């Protein structure tokens, strides 16, 4: 009973690291509008639907939705980072 959420505690940092890494890069380069857009996409396009469809999972559904949210943020910020790097849009 006490260990039922440990899988999420192991998985979440491995998936979330990329979103927080790119947060630091985008804050440091003052490209916060990209962060805002990916946050809105991740929240309304991923988190809310994932949470809604997994409510019957209980707390596991909330953990799943939060993990998907962070994965979407990491992927979308990674794509924008790659685009900015390839097209030299940082400055």
PDB file of N, CA and C in Angstrom:
ATOM      1  N   UNK A   1       0.820  -1.195   0.000  1.00  0.00           N
ATOM      2  CA  UNK A   1       0.000   0.000   0.000  1.00  0.00           C
ATOM      3  C   UNK A   1       0.863   1.258   0.000  1.00  0.00           C
ATOM      4  N   UNK A   2       1.868   1.264   0.836  1.00  0.00           N
ATOM      5  CA  UNK A   2       2.699   2.458   0.950  1.00  0.00           C
ATOM      6  C   UNK A   2       3.588   2.657  -0.288  1.00  0.00           C
ATOM      7  N   UNK A   3       3.860   1.585  -1.032  1.00  0.00           N
ATOM      8  CA  UNK A   3       4.770   1.666  -2.171  1.00  0.00           C
ATOM      9  C   UNK A   3       4.051   1.757  -3.510  1.00  0.00           C
ATOM     10  N   UNK A   4       2.748   1.921  -3.532  1.00  0.00           N
ATOM     11  CA  UNK A   4       2.006   1.850  -4.780  1.00  0.00           C
ATOM     12  C   UNK A   4       2.308   2.992  -5.749  1.00  0.00           C
ATOM     13  N   UNK A   5       2.825   4.104  -5.270  1.00  0.00           N
ATOM     14  CA  UNK A   5       3.133   5.237  -6.149  1.00  0.00           C
ATOM     15  C   UNK A   5       4.628   5.392  -6.413  1.00  0.00           C
ATOM     16  N   UNK A   6       5.432   4.474  -5.952  1.00  0.00           N
ATOM     17  CA  UNK A   6       6.879   4.581  -6.150  1.00  0.00           C
ATOM     18  C   UNK A   6       7.264   4.544  -7.628  1.00  0.00           C
ATOM     19  N   UNK A   7       6.538   3.821  -8.441  1.00  0.00           N
ATOM     20  CA  UNK A   7       6.859   3.769  -9.875  1.00  0.00           C
ATOM     21  C   UNK A   7       6.793   5.170 -10.484  1.00  0.00           C
ATOM     22  N   UNK A   8       5.801   5.949 -10.071  1.00  0.00           N
ATOM     23  CA  UNK A   8       5.690   7.311 -10.592  1.00  0.00           C
ATOM     24  C   UNK A   8       6.838   8.177 -10.096  1.00  0.00           C
ATOM     25  N   UNK A   9       7.266   7.956  -8.866  1.00  0.00           N
ATOM     26  CA  UNK A   9       8.368   8.744  -8.318  1.00  0.00           C
ATOM     27  C   UNK A   9       9.692   8.428  -9.002  1.00  0.00           C
ATOM     28  N   UNK A  10       9.827   7.229  -9.526  1.00  0.00           N
ATOM     29  CA  UNK A  10      11.027   6.871 -10.288  1.00  0.00           C
ATOM     30  C   UNK A  10      10.938   7.381 -11.724  1.00  0.00           C
ATOM     31  N   UNK A  11       9.767   7.318 -12.313  1.00  0.00           N
ATOM     32  CA  UNK A  11       9.587   7.676 -13.717  1.00  0.00           C
ATOM     33  C   UNK A  11       9.552   9.189 -13.939  1.00  0.00           C
ATOM     34  N   UNK A  12       8.897   9.905 -13.059  1.00  0.00           N
ATOM     35  CA  UNK A  12       8.685  11.339 -13.255  1.00  0.00           C
ATOM     36  C   UNK A  12       9.981  12.149 -13.427  1.00  0.00           C
ATOM     37  N   UNK A  13      11.000  11.971 -12.597  1.00  0.00           N
ATOM     38  CA  UNK A  13      12.221  12.768 -12.817  1.00  0.00           C
ATOM     39  C   UNK A  13      12.919  12.457 -14.136  1.00  0.00           C
ATOM     40  N   UNK A  14      12.849  11.211 -14.583  1.00  0.00           N
ATOM     41  CA  UNK A  14      13.485  10.838 -15.851  1.00  0.00           C
ATOM     42  C   UNK A  14      12.812  11.506 -17.040  1.00  0.00           C
ATOM     43  N   UNK A  15      11.523  11.720 -16.951  1.00  0.00           N
ATOM     44  CA  UNK A  15      10.785  12.362 -18.040  1.00  0.00           C
ATOM     45  C   UNK A  15      10.792  13.882 -17.881  1.00  0.00           C
ATOM     46  N   UNK A  16      10.702  14.373 -16.664  1.00  0.00           N
ATOM     47  CA  UNK A  16      10.578  15.811 -16.416  1.00  0.00           C
ATOM     48  C   UNK A  16      11.883  16.577 -16.561  1.00  0.00           C
ATOM     49  N   UNK A  17      13.004  15.899 -16.492  1.00  0.00           N
ATOM     50  CA  UNK A  17      14.291  16.589 -16.520  1.00  0.00           C
ATOM     51  C   UNK A  17      14.422  17.482 -17.748  1.00  0.00           C
ATOM     52  N   UNK A  18      13.888  17.035 -18.880  1.00  0.00           N
ATOM     53  CA  UNK A  18      14.051  17.797 -20.114  1.00  0.00           C
ATOM     54  C   UNK A  18      13.246  19.089 -20.094  1.00  0.00           C
ATOM     55  N   UNK A  19      12.053  19.051 -19.550  1.00  0.00           N
ATOM     56  CA  UNK A  19      11.256  20.284 -19.507  1.00  0.00           C
ATOM     57  C   UNK A  19      11.915  21.322 -18.603  1.00  0.00           C
ATOM     58  N   UNK A  20      12.473  20.882 -17.481  1.00  0.00           N
ATOM     59  CA  UNK A  20      13.105  21.826 -16.568  1.00  0.00           C
ATOM     60  C   UNK A  20      14.467  22.293 -17.086  1.00  0.00           C
ATOM     61  N   UNK A  21      15.170  21.457 -17.812  1.00  0.00           N
ATOM     62  CA  UNK A  21      16.425  21.866 -18.436  1.00  0.00           C
ATOM     63  C   UNK A  21      16.161  22.960 -19.469  1.00  0.00           C
ATOM     64  N   UNK A  22      15.174  22.726 -20.326  1.00  0.00           N
ATOM     65  CA  UNK A  22      14.848  23.729 -21.336  1.00  0.00           C
ATOM     66  C   UNK A  22      14.236  24.989 -20.725  1.00  0.00           C
ATOM     67  N   UNK A  23      13.546  24.858 -19.602  1.00  0.00           N
ATOM     68  CA  UNK A  23      13.067  26.056 -18.888  1.00  0.00           C
ATOM     69  C   UNK A  23      14.233  26.980 -18.565  1.00  0.00           C
ATOM     70  N   UNK A  24      15.306  26.416 -18.059  1.00  0.00           N
ATOM     71  CA  UNK A  24      16.477  27.216 -17.711  1.00  0.00           C
ATOM     72  C   UNK A  24      17.095  27.886 -18.927  1.00  0.00           C
ATOM     73  N   UNK A  25      17.150  27.162 -20.027  1.00  0.00           N
ATOM     74  CA  UNK A  25      17.723  27.730 -21.254  1.00  0.00           C
ATOM     75  C   UNK A  25      16.853  28.873 -21.767  1.00  0.00           C
ATOM     76  N   UNK A  26      15.548  28.653 -21.819  1.00  0.00           N
ATOM     77  CA  UNK A  26      14.657  29.670 -22.364  1.00  0.00           C
ATOM     78  C   UNK A  26      14.530  30.880 -21.442  1.00  0.00           C
ATOM     79  N   UNK A  27      14.586  30.679 -20.139  1.00  0.00           N
ATOM     80  CA  UNK A  27      14.581  31.828 -19.219  1.00  0.00           C
ATOM     81  C   UNK A  27      15.878  32.612 -19.372  1.00  0.00           C
ATOM     82  N   UNK A  28      16.986  31.904 -19.470  1.00  0.00           N
ATOM     83  CA  UNK A  28      18.279  32.566 -19.600  1.00  0.00           C
ATOM     84  C   UNK A  28      18.431  33.350 -20.885  1.00  0.00           C
ATOM     85  N   UNK A  29      17.746  32.928 -21.941  1.00  0.00           N
ATOM     86  CA  UNK A  29      17.838  33.643 -23.217  1.00  0.00           C
ATOM     87  C   UNK A  29      16.658  34.571 -23.453  1.00  0.00           C
ATOM     88  N   UNK A  30      15.815  34.743 -22.444  1.00  0.00           N
ATOM     89  CA  UNK A  30      14.659  35.647 -22.494  1.00  0.00           C
ATOM     90  C   UNK A  30      13.670  35.267 -23.600  1.00  0.00           C
ATOM     91  N   UNK A  31      13.547  33.997 -23.882  1.00  0.00           N
ATOM     92  CA  UNK A  31      12.568  33.500 -24.867  1.00  0.00           C
ATOM     93  C   UNK A  31      11.381  32.892 -24.118  1.00  0.00           C
ATOM     94  N   UNK A  32      10.799  33.662 -23.230  1.00  0.00           N
ATOM     95  CA  UNK A  32       9.745  33.129 -22.369  1.00  0.00           C
ATOM     96  C   UNK A  32       8.408  32.984 -23.090  1.00  0.00           C
ATOM     97  N   UNK A  33       8.218  33.642 -24.220  1.00  0.00           N
ATOM     98  CA  UNK A  33       6.969  33.467 -24.953  1.00  0.00           C
ATOM     99  C   UNK A  33       6.857  32.032 -25.471  1.00  0.00           C
ATOM    100  N   UNK A  34       7.974  31.441 -25.859  1.00  0.00           N
ATOM    101  CA  UNK A  34       7.961  30.041 -26.280  1.00  0.00           C
ATOM    102  C   UNK A  34       7.564  29.141 -25.121  1.00  0.00           C
ATOM    103  N   UNK A  35       8.043  29.467 -23.934  1.00  0.00           N
ATOM    104  CA  UNK A  35       7.662  28.691 -22.748  1.00  0.00           C
ATOM    105  C   UNK A  35       6.168  28.822 -22.476  1.00  0.00           C
ATOM    106  N   UNK A  36       5.644  30.031 -22.612  1.00  0.00           N
ATOM    107  CA  UNK A  36       4.215  30.242 -22.384  1.00  0.00           C
ATOM    108  C   UNK A  36       3.389  29.417 -23.365  1.00  0.00           C
ATOM    109  N   UNK A  37       3.766  29.440 -24.635  1.00  0.00           N
ATOM    110  CA  UNK A  37       3.007  28.711 -25.641  1.00  0.00           C
ATOM    111  C   UNK A  37       3.053  27.205 -25.414  1.00  0.00           C
ATOM    112  N   UNK A  38       4.221  26.682 -25.056  1.00  0.00           N
ATOM    113  CA  UNK A  38       4.306  25.242 -24.816  1.00  0.00           C
ATOM    114  C   UNK A  38       3.575  24.855 -23.532  1.00  0.00           C
ATOM    115  N   UNK A  39       3.546  25.755 -22.558  1.00  0.00           N
ATOM    116  CA  UNK A  39       2.799  25.496 -21.332  1.00  0.00           C
ATOM    117  C   UNK A  39       1.306  25.421 -21.614  1.00  0.00           C
ATOM    118  N   UNK A  40       0.789  26.335 -22.421  1.00  0.00           N
ATOM    119  CA  UNK A  40      -0.626  26.314 -22.775  1.00  0.00           C
ATOM    120  C   UNK A  40      -0.978  25.062 -23.568  1.00  0.00           C
ATOM    121  N   UNK A  41      -0.132  24.703 -24.521  1.00  0.00           N
ATOM    122  CA  UNK A  41      -0.351  23.479 -25.293  1.00  0.00           C
ATOM    123  C   UNK A  41      -0.355  22.263 -24.381  1.00  0.00           C
ATOM    124  N   UNK A  42       0.625  22.180 -23.506  1.00  0.00           N
ATOM    125  CA  UNK A  42       0.743  21.028 -22.618  1.00  0.00           C
ATOM    126  C   UNK A  42      -0.408  20.945 -21.630  1.00  0.00           C
ATOM    127  N   UNK A  43      -0.843  22.086 -21.134  1.00  0.00           N
ATOM    128  CA  UNK A  43      -1.919  22.094 -20.143  1.00  0.00           C
ATOM    129  C   UNK A  43      -3.263  21.744 -20.763  1.00  0.00           C
ATOM    130  N   UNK A  44      -3.635  22.492 -21.797  1.00  0.00           N
ATOM    131  CA  UNK A  44      -4.970  22.316 -22.369  1.00  0.00           C
ATOM    132  C   UNK A  44      -5.036  21.182 -23.389  1.00  0.00           C
ATOM    133  N   UNK A  45      -3.919  20.870 -24.031  1.00  0.00           N
ATOM    134  CA  UNK A  45      -3.920  19.822 -25.046  1.00  0.00           C
ATOM    135  C   UNK A  45      -3.575  18.446 -24.521  1.00  0.00           C
ATOM    136  N   UNK A  46      -2.847  18.377 -23.391  1.00  0.00           N
ATOM    137  CA  UNK A  46      -2.389  17.088 -22.878  1.00  0.00           C
ATOM    138  C   UNK A  46      -2.885  16.830 -21.458  1.00  0.00           C
ATOM    139  N   UNK A  47      -2.548  17.717 -20.509  1.00  0.00           N
ATOM    140  CA  UNK A  47      -2.842  17.437 -19.105  1.00  0.00           C
ATOM    141  C   UNK A  47      -4.336  17.275 -18.827  1.00  0.00           C
ATOM    142  N   UNK A  48      -5.126  18.259 -19.218  1.00  0.00           N
ATOM    143  CA  UNK A  48      -6.554  18.204 -18.902  1.00  0.00           C
ATOM    144  C   UNK A  48      -7.247  17.017 -19.572  1.00  0.00           C
ATOM    145  N   UNK A  49      -7.026  16.764 -20.882  1.00  0.00           N
ATOM    146  CA  UNK A  49      -7.649  15.566 -21.462  1.00  0.00           C
ATOM    147  C   UNK A  49      -7.143  14.260 -20.840  1.00  0.00           C
ATOM    148  N   UNK A  50      -5.837  14.167 -20.569  1.00  0.00           N
ATOM    149  CA  UNK A  50      -5.302  12.937 -19.965  1.00  0.00           C
ATOM    150  C   UNK A  50      -5.889  12.719 -18.578  1.00  0.00           C
ATOM    151  N   UNK A  51      -5.986  13.782 -17.798  1.00  0.00           N
ATOM    152  CA  UNK A  51      -6.569  13.656 -16.459  1.00  0.00           C
ATOM    153  C   UNK A  51      -8.043  13.292 -16.556  1.00  0.00           C
ATOM    154  N   UNK A  52      -8.756  13.924 -17.493  1.00  0.00           N
ATOM    155  CA  UNK A  52     -10.183  13.671 -17.632  1.00  0.00           C
ATOM    156  C   UNK A  52     -10.455  12.200 -17.971  1.00  0.00           C
ATOM    157  N   UNK A  53      -9.680  11.655 -18.913  1.00  0.00           N
ATOM    158  CA  UNK A  53      -9.930  10.284 -19.359  1.00  0.00           C
ATOM    159  C   UNK A  53      -9.377   9.226 -18.403  1.00  0.00           C
ATOM    160  N   UNK A  54      -8.554   9.630 -17.442  1.00  0.00           N
ATOM    161  CA  UNK A  54      -8.003   8.647 -16.499  1.00  0.00           C
ATOM    162  C   UNK A  54      -8.460   8.902 -15.069  1.00  0.00           C
ATOM    163  N   UNK A  55      -9.539   9.612 -14.889  1.00  0.00           N
ATOM    164  CA  UNK A  55     -10.049   9.868 -13.540  1.00  0.00           C
ATOM    165  C   UNK A  55     -10.404   8.580 -12.812  1.00  0.00           C
ATOM    166  N   UNK A  56     -10.834   7.578 -13.553  1.00  0.00           N
ATOM    167  CA  UNK A  56     -11.206   6.317 -12.915  1.00  0.00           C
ATOM    168  C   UNK A  56      -9.982   5.558 -12.380  1.00  0.00           C
ATOM    169  N   UNK A  57      -8.784   5.986 -12.738  1.00  0.00           N
ATOM    170  CA  UNK A  57      -7.559   5.391 -12.185  1.00  0.00           C
ATOM    171  C   UNK A  57      -7.236   5.953 -10.805  1.00  0.00           C
ATOM    172  N   UNK A  58      -7.958   6.977 -10.391  1.00  0.00           N
ATOM    173  CA  UNK A  58      -7.695   7.599  -9.099  1.00  0.00           C
ATOM    174  C   UNK A  58      -6.425   8.436  -9.140  1.00  0.00           C
ATOM    175  N   UNK A  59      -5.609   8.307  -8.113  1.00  0.00           N
ATOM    176  CA  UNK A  59      -4.380   9.092  -8.025  1.00  0.00           C
ATOM    177  C   UNK A  59      -3.391   8.728  -9.134  1.00  0.00           C
ATOM    178  N   UNK A  60      -3.427   7.492  -9.616  1.00  0.00           N
ATOM    179  CA  UNK A  60      -2.544   7.087 -10.716  1.00  0.00           C
ATOM    180  C   UNK A  60      -2.865   7.866 -11.990  1.00  0.00           C
ATOM    181  N   UNK A  61      -4.133   8.181 -12.205  1.00  0.00           N
ATOM    182  CA  UNK A  61      -4.509   8.983 -13.359  1.00  0.00           C
ATOM    183  C   UNK A  61      -3.932  10.384 -13.292  1.00  0.00           C
ATOM    184  N   UNK A  62      -3.903  10.960 -12.101  1.00  0.00           N
ATOM    185  CA  UNK A  62      -3.315  12.289 -11.922  1.00  0.00           C
ATOM    186  C   UNK A  62      -1.805  12.248 -12.165  1.00  0.00           C
ATOM    187  N   UNK A  63      -1.138  11.239 -11.640  1.00  0.00           N
ATOM    188  CA  UNK A  63       0.295  11.081 -11.886  1.00  0.00           C
ATOM    189  C   UNK A  63       0.569  10.868 -13.371  1.00  0.00           C
ATOM    190  N   UNK A  64      -0.260  10.069 -14.034  1.00  0.00           N
ATOM    191  CA  UNK A  64      -0.091   9.831 -15.470  1.00  0.00           C
ATOM    192  C   UNK A  64      -0.242  11.133 -16.243  1.00  0.00           C
ATOM    193  N   UNK A  65      -1.267  11.919 -15.936  1.00  0.00           N
ATOM    194  CA  UNK A  65      -1.502  13.182 -16.629  1.00  0.00           C
ATOM    195  C   UNK A  65      -0.348  14.151 -16.399  1.00  0.00           C
ATOM    196  N   UNK A  66       0.167  14.211 -15.178  1.00  0.00           N
ATOM    197  CA  UNK A  66       1.286  15.110 -14.884  1.00  0.00           C
ATOM    198  C   UNK A  66       2.562  14.668 -15.607  1.00  0.00           C
ATOM    199  N   UNK A  67       2.777  13.371 -15.701  1.00  0.00           N
ATOM    200  CA  UNK A  67       3.937  12.856 -16.429  1.00  0.00           C
ATOM    201  C   UNK A  67       3.815  13.175 -17.916  1.00  0.00           C
ATOM    202  N   UNK A  68       2.626  13.003 -18.479  1.00  0.00           N
ATOM    203  CA  UNK A  68       2.404  13.347 -19.887  1.00  0.00           C
ATOM    204  C   UNK A  68       2.581  14.843 -20.126  1.00  0.00           C
ATOM    205  N   UNK A  69       2.125  15.649 -19.185  1.00  0.00           N
ATOM    206  CA  UNK A  69       2.280  17.102 -19.261  1.00  0.00           C
ATOM    207  C   UNK A  69       3.759  17.478 -19.354  1.00  0.00           C
ATOM    208  N   UNK A  70       4.572  16.925 -18.474  1.00  0.00           N
ATOM    209  CA  UNK A  70       6.001  17.230 -18.484  1.00  0.00           C
ATOM    210  C   UNK A  70       6.685  16.688 -19.730  1.00  0.00           C
ATOM    211  N   UNK A  71       6.257  15.531 -20.204  1.00  0.00           N
ATOM    212  CA  UNK A  71       6.830  14.975 -21.433  1.00  0.00           C
ATOM    213  C   UNK A  71       6.517  15.884 -22.619  1.00  0.00           C
ATOM    214  N   UNK A  72       5.290  16.360 -22.705  1.00  0.00           N
ATOM    215  CA  UNK A  72       4.905  17.255 -23.795  1.00  0.00           C
ATOM    216  C   UNK A  72       5.691  18.555 -23.739  1.00  0.00           C
ATOM    217  N   UNK A  73       5.863  19.101 -22.547  1.00  0.00           N
ATOM    218  CA  UNK A  73       6.656  20.332 -22.408  1.00  0.00           C
ATOM    219  C   UNK A  73       8.091  20.106 -22.850  1.00  0.00           C
ATOM    220  N   UNK A  74       8.686  18.995 -22.429  1.00  0.00           N
ATOM    221  CA  UNK A  74      10.064  18.705 -22.807  1.00  0.00           C
ATOM    222  C   UNK A  74      10.226  18.531 -24.304  1.00  0.00           C
ATOM    223  N   UNK A  75       9.298  17.808 -24.917  1.00  0.00           N
ATOM    224  CA  UNK A  75       9.375  17.569 -26.361  1.00  0.00           C
ATOM    225  C   UNK A  75       9.153  18.857 -27.137  1.00  0.00           C
ATOM    226  N   UNK A  76       8.135  19.613 -26.775  1.00  0.00           N
ATOM    227  CA  UNK A  76       7.842  20.842 -27.521  1.00  0.00           C
ATOM    228  C   UNK A  76       8.938  21.894 -27.335  1.00  0.00           C
ATOM    229  N   UNK A  77       9.462  22.037 -26.128  1.00  0.00           N
ATOM    230  CA  UNK A  77      10.577  22.967 -25.937  1.00  0.00           C
ATOM    231  C   UNK A  77      11.829  22.481 -26.648  1.00  0.00           C
ATOM    232  N   UNK A  78      12.030  21.174 -26.693  1.00  0.00           N
ATOM    233  CA  UNK A  78      13.162  20.621 -27.435  1.00  0.00           C
ATOM    234  C   UNK A  78      13.071  20.904 -28.923  1.00  0.00           C
ATOM    235  N   UNK A  79      11.871  20.807 -29.472  1.00  0.00           N
ATOM    236  CA  UNK A  79      11.680  21.126 -30.893  1.00  0.00           C
ATOM    237  C   UNK A  79      11.938  22.602 -31.173  1.00  0.00           C
ATOM    238  N   UNK A  80      11.461  23.466 -30.294  1.00  0.00           N
ATOM    239  CA  UNK A  80      11.701  24.900 -30.473  1.00  0.00           C
ATOM    240  C   UNK A  80      13.183  25.218 -30.290  1.00  0.00           C
ATOM    241  N   UNK A  81      13.826  24.563 -29.331  1.00  0.00           N
ATOM    242  CA  UNK A  81      15.266  24.749 -29.132  1.00  0.00           C
ATOM    243  C   UNK A  81      16.032  24.358 -30.397  1.00  0.00           C
ATOM    244  N   UNK A  82      15.671  23.224 -30.991  1.00  0.00           N
ATOM    245  CA  UNK A  82      16.340  22.768 -32.211  1.00  0.00           C
ATOM    246  C   UNK A  82      16.118  23.747 -33.356  1.00  0.00           C
ATOM    247  N   UNK A  83      14.876  24.220 -33.503  1.00  0.00           N
ATOM    248  CA  UNK A  83      14.577  25.196 -34.556  1.00  0.00           C
ATOM    249  C   UNK A  83      15.371  26.479 -34.358  1.00  0.00           C
ATOM    250  N   UNK A  84      15.394  26.993 -33.140  1.00  0.00           N
ATOM    251  CA  UNK A  84      16.139  28.222 -32.864  1.00  0.00           C
ATOM    252  C   UNK A  84      17.626  28.047 -33.112  1.00  0.00           C
ATOM    253  N   UNK A  85      18.140  26.868 -32.809  1.00  0.00           N
ATOM    254  CA  UNK A  85      19.563  26.612 -33.016  1.00  0.00           C
ATOM    255  C   UNK A  85      19.895  26.487 -34.502  1.00  0.00           C
ATOM    256  N   UNK A  86      19.080  25.749 -35.242  1.00  0.00           N
ATOM    257  CA  UNK A  86      19.349  25.548 -36.658  1.00  0.00           C
ATOM    258  C   UNK A  86      19.213  26.835 -37.465  1.00  0.00           C
ATOM    259  N   UNK A  87      18.266  27.672 -37.105  1.00  0.00           N
ATOM    260  CA  UNK A  87      18.022  28.912 -37.842  1.00  0.00           C
ATOM    261  C   UNK A  87      18.674  30.132 -37.183  1.00  0.00           C
ATOM    262  N   UNK A  88      19.493  29.885 -36.170  1.00  0.00           N
ATOM    263  CA  UNK A  88      20.219  30.948 -35.467  1.00  0.00           C
ATOM    264  C   UNK A  88      19.280  32.079 -35.020  1.00  0.00           C
ATOM    265  N   UNK A  89      18.226  31.698 -34.281  1.00  0.00           N
ATOM    266  CA  UNK A  89      17.224  32.659 -33.820  1.00  0.00           C
ATOM    267  C   UNK A  89      17.419  33.062 -32.363  1.00  0.00           C
ATOM    268  N   UNK A  90      18.526  32.719 -31.769  1.00  0.00           N
ATOM    269  CA  UNK A  90      18.707  33.017 -30.341  1.00  0.00           C
ATOM    270  C   UNK A  90      18.996  34.490 -30.086  1.00  0.00           C
ATOM    271  N   UNK A  91      19.588  35.159 -31.046  1.00  0.00           N
ATOM    272  CA  UNK A  91      19.949  36.562 -30.820  1.00  0.00           C
ATOM    273  C   UNK A  91      19.205  37.474 -31.749  1.00  0.00           C
TER     274      UNK A  91
END
